């Protein structure tokens, strides 16, 4: 077997290994781009880079890989209620494509170094990110109560009482009911205490949070 062919096969196997390890982490967390998807992205990027080197058109095909992965990543990102989901997974497949390109180009030190950084970010910083998220969370509150010739400002005072900062979004009256919507920021514990009171408030007909 030709040495170049043997090296290219080893490149594809290395891409499969590194892509599989990162994909296993995504699969474990039940993300949309899991084991097989991440492997295919990494191996595919490696394969495109190998082929582009043989054609002698590295820059053009490399640019197309970046554009293609960007299109694929955009399909993973979606909005769920007040949150945007899929950003980390989209960034992961984008980074895995870069690792695949590095492997295909024969830059093994960069590929392994990138893999270590990406893997460490996903594994070690997950708990840190969750802890930061508990310190300050942004939620949207929706309260429906009976209209009694007064606004809903007393609920804003309740938010302040629990150490939450609120931003009024909209208020409307429908029949005998008045509906208020707020964007509320604060710690997870503060949200939980405030939510507990509102859930037990007999004047609140509906409460979304």
C-alpha atoms as a PDB file:
ATOM      1  CA  UNK A   1       0.000   0.000   0.000  1.00  0.00           C
ATOM      2  CA  UNK A   2       1.303   3.432  -0.951  1.00  0.00           C
ATOM      3  CA  UNK A   3       2.545   5.455   2.042  1.00  0.00           C
ATOM      4  CA  UNK A   4       0.329   8.426   1.098  1.00  0.00           C
ATOM      5  CA  UNK A   5      -2.761   6.227   0.928  1.00  0.00           C
ATOM      6  CA  UNK A   6      -1.852   4.629   4.253  1.00  0.00           C
ATOM      7  CA  UNK A   7      -1.447   8.032   5.877  1.00  0.00           C
ATOM      8  CA  UNK A   8      -4.803   9.209   4.501  1.00  0.00           C
ATOM      9  CA  UNK A   9      -6.531   6.142   5.924  1.00  0.00           C
ATOM     10  CA  UNK A  10      -4.931   6.813   9.312  1.00  0.00           C
ATOM     11  CA  UNK A  11      -6.177  10.401   9.076  1.00  0.00           C
ATOM     12  CA  UNK A  12      -9.735   9.187   8.572  1.00  0.00           C
ATOM     13  CA  UNK A  13      -9.437   6.758  11.487  1.00  0.00           C
ATOM     14  CA  UNK A  14      -8.067   9.506  13.733  1.00  0.00           C
ATOM     15  CA  UNK A  15     -10.932  11.778  12.699  1.00  0.00           C
ATOM     16  CA  UNK A  16     -13.372   8.982  13.520  1.00  0.00           C
ATOM     17  CA  UNK A  17     -11.777   8.528  16.952  1.00  0.00           C
ATOM     18  CA  UNK A  18     -11.716  12.201  17.919  1.00  0.00           C
ATOM     19  CA  UNK A  19     -15.151  12.858  16.456  1.00  0.00           C
ATOM     20  CA  UNK A  20     -16.491   9.821  18.285  1.00  0.00           C
ATOM     21  CA  UNK A  21     -15.152  10.946  21.647  1.00  0.00           C
ATOM     22  CA  UNK A  22     -16.710  14.393  21.345  1.00  0.00           C
ATOM     23  CA  UNK A  23     -19.881  12.863  19.894  1.00  0.00           C
ATOM     24  CA  UNK A  24     -20.156  10.499  22.856  1.00  0.00           C
ATOM     25  CA  UNK A  25     -20.308  13.504  25.195  1.00  0.00           C
ATOM     26  CA  UNK A  26     -23.047  15.111  23.066  1.00  0.00           C
ATOM     27  CA  UNK A  27     -24.921  11.794  22.895  1.00  0.00           C
ATOM     28  CA  UNK A  28     -24.697  11.401  26.672  1.00  0.00           C
ATOM     29  CA  UNK A  29     -26.362  14.780  27.099  1.00  0.00           C
ATOM     30  CA  UNK A  30     -29.053  13.844  24.530  1.00  0.00           C
ATOM     31  CA  UNK A  31     -28.108  16.618  22.106  1.00  0.00           C
ATOM     32  CA  UNK A  32     -29.362  16.768  18.521  1.00  0.00           C
ATOM     33  CA  UNK A  33     -25.893  16.194  17.020  1.00  0.00           C
ATOM     34  CA  UNK A  34     -24.754  13.038  18.773  1.00  0.00           C
ATOM     35  CA  UNK A  35     -22.211  10.286  18.190  1.00  0.00           C
ATOM     36  CA  UNK A  36     -22.830   9.464  14.525  1.00  0.00           C
ATOM     37  CA  UNK A  37     -23.383  13.054  13.429  1.00  0.00           C
ATOM     38  CA  UNK A  38     -20.174  14.316  15.037  1.00  0.00           C
ATOM     39  CA  UNK A  39     -18.159  11.445  13.581  1.00  0.00           C
ATOM     40  CA  UNK A  40     -19.541  12.093  10.107  1.00  0.00           C
ATOM     41  CA  UNK A  41     -18.767  15.812  10.350  1.00  0.00           C
ATOM     42  CA  UNK A  42     -15.192  15.251  11.494  1.00  0.00           C
ATOM     43  CA  UNK A  43     -14.493  12.446   9.013  1.00  0.00           C
ATOM     44  CA  UNK A  44     -16.246  14.325   6.207  1.00  0.00           C
ATOM     45  CA  UNK A  45     -14.172  17.446   6.793  1.00  0.00           C
ATOM     46  CA  UNK A  46     -11.023  15.323   6.839  1.00  0.00           C
ATOM     47  CA  UNK A  47     -12.024  13.608   3.617  1.00  0.00           C
ATOM     48  CA  UNK A  48     -12.808  16.898   1.862  1.00  0.00           C
ATOM     49  CA  UNK A  49      -9.439  18.286   2.941  1.00  0.00           C
ATOM     50  CA  UNK A  50      -7.592  15.187   1.719  1.00  0.00           C
ATOM     51  CA  UNK A  51      -9.353  15.352  -1.642  1.00  0.00           C
ATOM     52  CA  UNK A  52      -8.742  19.106  -1.945  1.00  0.00           C
ATOM     53  CA  UNK A  53      -5.013  18.571  -1.330  1.00  0.00           C
ATOM     54  CA  UNK A  54      -4.912  15.999  -4.089  1.00  0.00           C
ATOM     55  CA  UNK A  55      -6.715  18.399  -6.422  1.00  0.00           C
ATOM     56  CA  UNK A  56      -4.405  21.196  -5.357  1.00  0.00           C
ATOM     57  CA  UNK A  57      -7.275  23.510  -4.371  1.00  0.00           C
ATOM     58  CA  UNK A  58      -6.940  23.689  -0.594  1.00  0.00           C
ATOM     59  CA  UNK A  59      -8.295  27.200  -0.013  1.00  0.00           C
ATOM     60  CA  UNK A  60     -11.444  26.940  -2.142  1.00  0.00           C
ATOM     61  CA  UNK A  61     -12.692  23.634  -0.756  1.00  0.00           C
ATOM     62  CA  UNK A  62     -11.720  24.602   2.798  1.00  0.00           C
ATOM     63  CA  UNK A  63     -13.882  27.718   2.479  1.00  0.00           C
ATOM     64  CA  UNK A  64     -16.789  25.609   1.226  1.00  0.00           C
ATOM     65  CA  UNK A  65     -16.432  23.298   4.235  1.00  0.00           C
ATOM     66  CA  UNK A  66     -16.796  26.283   6.571  1.00  0.00           C
ATOM     67  CA  UNK A  67     -19.873  27.514   4.697  1.00  0.00           C
ATOM     68  CA  UNK A  68     -21.449  24.059   4.653  1.00  0.00           C
ATOM     69  CA  UNK A  69     -20.923  23.490   8.365  1.00  0.00           C
ATOM     70  CA  UNK A  70     -22.364  26.932   9.076  1.00  0.00           C
ATOM     71  CA  UNK A  71     -25.516  25.979   7.182  1.00  0.00           C
ATOM     72  CA  UNK A  72     -25.742  22.684   9.077  1.00  0.00           C
ATOM     73  CA  UNK A  73     -25.215  24.415  12.420  1.00  0.00           C
ATOM     74  CA  UNK A  74     -27.977  26.924  11.682  1.00  0.00           C
ATOM     75  CA  UNK A  75     -30.415  24.029  11.347  1.00  0.00           C
ATOM     76  CA  UNK A  76     -29.612  22.860  14.880  1.00  0.00           C
ATOM     77  CA  UNK A  77     -30.317  26.192  16.580  1.00  0.00           C
ATOM     78  CA  UNK A  78     -33.928  26.780  17.587  1.00  0.00           C
ATOM     79  CA  UNK A  79     -35.935  28.914  19.988  1.00  0.00           C
ATOM     80  CA  UNK A  80     -37.843  27.270  22.823  1.00  0.00           C
ATOM     81  CA  UNK A  81     -40.104  29.633  24.756  1.00  0.00           C
ATOM     82  CA  UNK A  82     -37.736  32.292  26.108  1.00  0.00           C
ATOM     83  CA  UNK A  83     -34.479  30.432  25.424  1.00  0.00           C
ATOM     84  CA  UNK A  84     -32.335  29.703  22.388  1.00  0.00           C
ATOM     85  CA  UNK A  85     -31.317  26.050  22.198  1.00  0.00           C
ATOM     86  CA  UNK A  86     -28.605  24.287  20.203  1.00  0.00           C
ATOM     87  CA  UNK A  87     -25.907  26.978  20.231  1.00  0.00           C
ATOM     88  CA  UNK A  88     -23.332  24.801  22.008  1.00  0.00           C
ATOM     89  CA  UNK A  89     -24.018  21.837  19.720  1.00  0.00           C
ATOM     90  CA  UNK A  90     -23.791  24.044  16.621  1.00  0.00           C
ATOM     91  CA  UNK A  91     -20.475  25.472  17.849  1.00  0.00           C
ATOM     92  CA  UNK A  92     -19.252  21.938  18.596  1.00  0.00           C
ATOM     93  CA  UNK A  93     -19.847  20.628  15.081  1.00  0.00           C
ATOM     94  CA  UNK A  94     -18.244  23.775  13.672  1.00  0.00           C
ATOM     95  CA  UNK A  95     -15.158  23.144  15.841  1.00  0.00           C
ATOM     96  CA  UNK A  96     -15.121  19.437  14.929  1.00  0.00           C
ATOM     97  CA  UNK A  97     -15.074  20.388  11.254  1.00  0.00           C
ATOM     98  CA  UNK A  98     -11.975  22.467  11.983  1.00  0.00           C
ATOM     99  CA  UNK A  99     -10.354  19.467  13.683  1.00  0.00           C
ATOM    100  CA  UNK A 100     -11.197  17.325  10.659  1.00  0.00           C
ATOM    101  CA  UNK A 101      -9.615  19.881   8.344  1.00  0.00           C
ATOM    102  CA  UNK A 102      -6.491  19.976  10.509  1.00  0.00           C
ATOM    103  CA  UNK A 103      -6.220  16.184  10.393  1.00  0.00           C
ATOM    104  CA  UNK A 104      -6.768  16.147   6.643  1.00  0.00           C
ATOM    105  CA  UNK A 105      -4.034  18.725   6.223  1.00  0.00           C
ATOM    106  CA  UNK A 106      -1.627  16.671   8.306  1.00  0.00           C
ATOM    107  CA  UNK A 107      -1.504  19.144  11.203  1.00  0.00           C
ATOM    108  CA  UNK A 108      -1.858  16.530  13.902  1.00  0.00           C
ATOM    109  CA  UNK A 109      -0.524  18.701  16.729  1.00  0.00           C
ATOM    110  CA  UNK A 110      -3.185  21.345  16.066  1.00  0.00           C
ATOM    111  CA  UNK A 111      -5.888  18.683  15.693  1.00  0.00           C
ATOM    112  CA  UNK A 112      -5.056  16.983  18.998  1.00  0.00           C
ATOM    113  CA  UNK A 113      -4.599  20.319  20.761  1.00  0.00           C
ATOM    114  CA  UNK A 114      -7.981  21.514  19.481  1.00  0.00           C
ATOM    115  CA  UNK A 115      -9.591  18.249  20.567  1.00  0.00           C
ATOM    116  CA  UNK A 116      -8.212  18.637  24.098  1.00  0.00           C
ATOM    117  CA  UNK A 117      -9.476  22.217  24.362  1.00  0.00           C
ATOM    118  CA  UNK A 118     -12.928  21.377  22.957  1.00  0.00           C
ATOM    119  CA  UNK A 119     -13.290  18.257  25.101  1.00  0.00           C
ATOM    120  CA  UNK A 120     -12.202  20.122  28.225  1.00  0.00           C
ATOM    121  CA  UNK A 121     -14.655  22.924  27.492  1.00  0.00           C
ATOM    122  CA  UNK A 122     -17.575  20.510  27.132  1.00  0.00           C
ATOM    123  CA  UNK A 123     -16.706  18.304  30.093  1.00  0.00           C
ATOM    124  CA  UNK A 124     -15.106  20.589  32.666  1.00  0.00           C
ATOM    125  CA  UNK A 125     -16.946  23.848  32.078  1.00  0.00           C
ATOM    126  CA  UNK A 126     -20.433  22.306  32.001  1.00  0.00           C
ATOM    127  CA  UNK A 127     -20.809  22.461  35.794  1.00  0.00           C
ATOM    128  CA  UNK A 128     -19.313  25.942  35.933  1.00  0.00           C
ATOM    129  CA  UNK A 129     -21.797  27.172  33.333  1.00  0.00           C
ATOM    130  CA  UNK A 130     -24.667  25.597  35.271  1.00  0.00           C
ATOM    131  CA  UNK A 131     -23.472  27.233  38.487  1.00  0.00           C
ATOM    132  CA  UNK A 132     -23.268  30.640  36.804  1.00  0.00           C
ATOM    133  CA  UNK A 133     -26.764  30.066  35.419  1.00  0.00           C
ATOM    134  CA  UNK A 134     -28.088  29.520  38.944  1.00  0.00           C
ATOM    135  CA  UNK A 135     -26.626  32.844  40.066  1.00  0.00           C
ATOM    136  CA  UNK A 136     -28.633  34.800  37.512  1.00  0.00           C
ATOM    137  CA  UNK A 137     -31.512  33.539  35.374  1.00  0.00           C
ATOM    138  CA  UNK A 138     -33.798  35.385  33.005  1.00  0.00           C
ATOM    139  CA  UNK A 139     -37.422  34.202  32.870  1.00  0.00           C
ATOM    140  CA  UNK A 140     -40.682  35.510  31.518  1.00  0.00           C
ATOM    141  CA  UNK A 141     -43.584  35.676  33.982  1.00  0.00           C
ATOM    142  CA  UNK A 142     -47.200  35.816  32.846  1.00  0.00           C
ATOM    143  CA  UNK A 143     -49.854  36.550  35.470  1.00  0.00           C
ATOM    144  CA  UNK A 144     -53.613  36.544  34.958  1.00  0.00           C
ATOM    145  CA  UNK A 145     -55.797  37.917  37.739  1.00  0.00           C
ATOM    146  CA  UNK A 146     -59.177  39.600  38.226  1.00  0.00           C
ATOM    147  CA  UNK A 147     -59.237  43.291  37.277  1.00  0.00           C
ATOM    148  CA  UNK A 148     -59.946  45.465  40.322  1.00  0.00           C
ATOM    149  CA  UNK A 149     -59.400  48.987  39.021  1.00  0.00           C
ATOM    150  CA  UNK A 150     -55.684  48.761  39.676  1.00  0.00           C
ATOM    151  CA  UNK A 151     -52.559  47.905  37.717  1.00  0.00           C
ATOM    152  CA  UNK A 152     -50.247  44.975  38.380  1.00  0.00           C
ATOM    153  CA  UNK A 153     -47.514  47.055  39.987  1.00  0.00           C
ATOM    154  CA  UNK A 154     -47.984  45.275  43.314  1.00  0.00           C
ATOM    155  CA  UNK A 155     -46.574  42.137  41.655  1.00  0.00           C
ATOM    156  CA  UNK A 156     -43.514  44.125  40.626  1.00  0.00           C
ATOM    157  CA  UNK A 157     -43.081  45.033  44.283  1.00  0.00           C
ATOM    158  CA  UNK A 158     -43.204  41.330  45.104  1.00  0.00           C
ATOM    159  CA  UNK A 159     -40.440  40.690  42.582  1.00  0.00           C
ATOM    160  CA  UNK A 160     -38.295  43.339  44.291  1.00  0.00           C
ATOM    161  CA  UNK A 161     -39.088  41.820  47.680  1.00  0.00           C
ATOM    162  CA  UNK A 162     -37.465  38.573  46.548  1.00  0.00           C
ATOM    163  CA  UNK A 163     -34.458  40.353  45.070  1.00  0.00           C
ATOM    164  CA  UNK A 164     -35.608  40.040  41.456  1.00  0.00           C
ATOM    165  CA  UNK A 165     -35.315  42.723  38.806  1.00  0.00           C
ATOM    166  CA  UNK A 166     -38.333  42.956  36.494  1.00  0.00           C
ATOM    167  CA  UNK A 167     -38.921  44.611  33.139  1.00  0.00           C
ATOM    168  CA  UNK A 168     -42.550  45.153  32.158  1.00  0.00           C
ATOM    169  CA  UNK A 169     -43.281  43.765  28.698  1.00  0.00           C
ATOM    170  CA  UNK A 170     -47.029  44.206  28.203  1.00  0.00           C
ATOM    171  CA  UNK A 171     -50.313  44.382  30.082  1.00  0.00           C
ATOM    172  CA  UNK A 172     -53.812  43.934  28.768  1.00  0.00           C
ATOM    173  CA  UNK A 173     -57.346  43.581  30.025  1.00  0.00           C
ATOM    174  CA  UNK A 174     -59.671  40.907  28.658  1.00  0.00           C
ATOM    175  CA  UNK A 175     -63.156  41.001  30.153  1.00  0.00           C
ATOM    176  CA  UNK A 176     -62.864  40.896  33.918  1.00  0.00           C
ATOM    177  CA  UNK A 177     -59.253  39.769  33.820  1.00  0.00           C
ATOM    178  CA  UNK A 178     -55.998  41.683  33.549  1.00  0.00           C
ATOM    179  CA  UNK A 179     -52.883  40.018  32.125  1.00  0.00           C
ATOM    180  CA  UNK A 180     -49.320  41.074  32.859  1.00  0.00           C
ATOM    181  CA  UNK A 181     -46.059  39.951  31.260  1.00  0.00           C
ATOM    182  CA  UNK A 182     -42.574  40.633  32.618  1.00  0.00           C
ATOM    183  CA  UNK A 183     -39.010  39.682  31.945  1.00  0.00           C
ATOM    184  CA  UNK A 184     -37.606  38.839  35.376  1.00  0.00           C
ATOM    185  CA  UNK A 185     -33.921  38.422  36.296  1.00  0.00           C
ATOM    186  CA  UNK A 186     -32.397  37.036  39.459  1.00  0.00           C
ATOM    187  CA  UNK A 187     -30.946  34.008  41.169  1.00  0.00           C
ATOM    188  CA  UNK A 188     -32.534  30.580  40.875  1.00  0.00           C
ATOM    189  CA  UNK A 189     -33.402  30.550  44.592  1.00  0.00           C
ATOM    190  CA  UNK A 190     -35.057  33.961  44.358  1.00  0.00           C
ATOM    191  CA  UNK A 191     -37.152  32.765  41.414  1.00  0.00           C
ATOM    192  CA  UNK A 192     -38.195  29.651  43.320  1.00  0.00           C
ATOM    193  CA  UNK A 193     -39.317  31.627  46.369  1.00  0.00           C
ATOM    194  CA  UNK A 194     -41.268  34.113  44.273  1.00  0.00           C
ATOM    195  CA  UNK A 195     -42.864  31.369  42.176  1.00  0.00           C
ATOM    196  CA  UNK A 196     -43.939  29.517  45.318  1.00  0.00           C
ATOM    197  CA  UNK A 197     -45.768  32.577  46.600  1.00  0.00           C
ATOM    198  CA  UNK A 198     -47.450  33.313  43.271  1.00  0.00           C
ATOM    199  CA  UNK A 199     -48.576  29.683  42.909  1.00  0.00           C
ATOM    200  CA  UNK A 200     -50.245  29.937  46.301  1.00  0.00           C
ATOM    201  CA  UNK A 201     -51.774  33.359  45.666  1.00  0.00           C
ATOM    202  CA  UNK A 202     -55.590  32.851  45.525  1.00  0.00           C
ATOM    203  CA  UNK A 203     -55.982  35.976  43.360  1.00  0.00           C
ATOM    204  CA  UNK A 204     -53.750  34.602  40.583  1.00  0.00           C
ATOM    205  CA  UNK A 205     -55.880  32.717  38.046  1.00  0.00           C
ATOM    206  CA  UNK A 206     -53.044  31.742  35.696  1.00  0.00           C
ATOM    207  CA  UNK A 207     -49.297  31.903  36.134  1.00  0.00           C
ATOM    208  CA  UNK A 208     -46.697  31.122  33.494  1.00  0.00           C
ATOM    209  CA  UNK A 209     -42.986  31.149  34.292  1.00  0.00           C
END
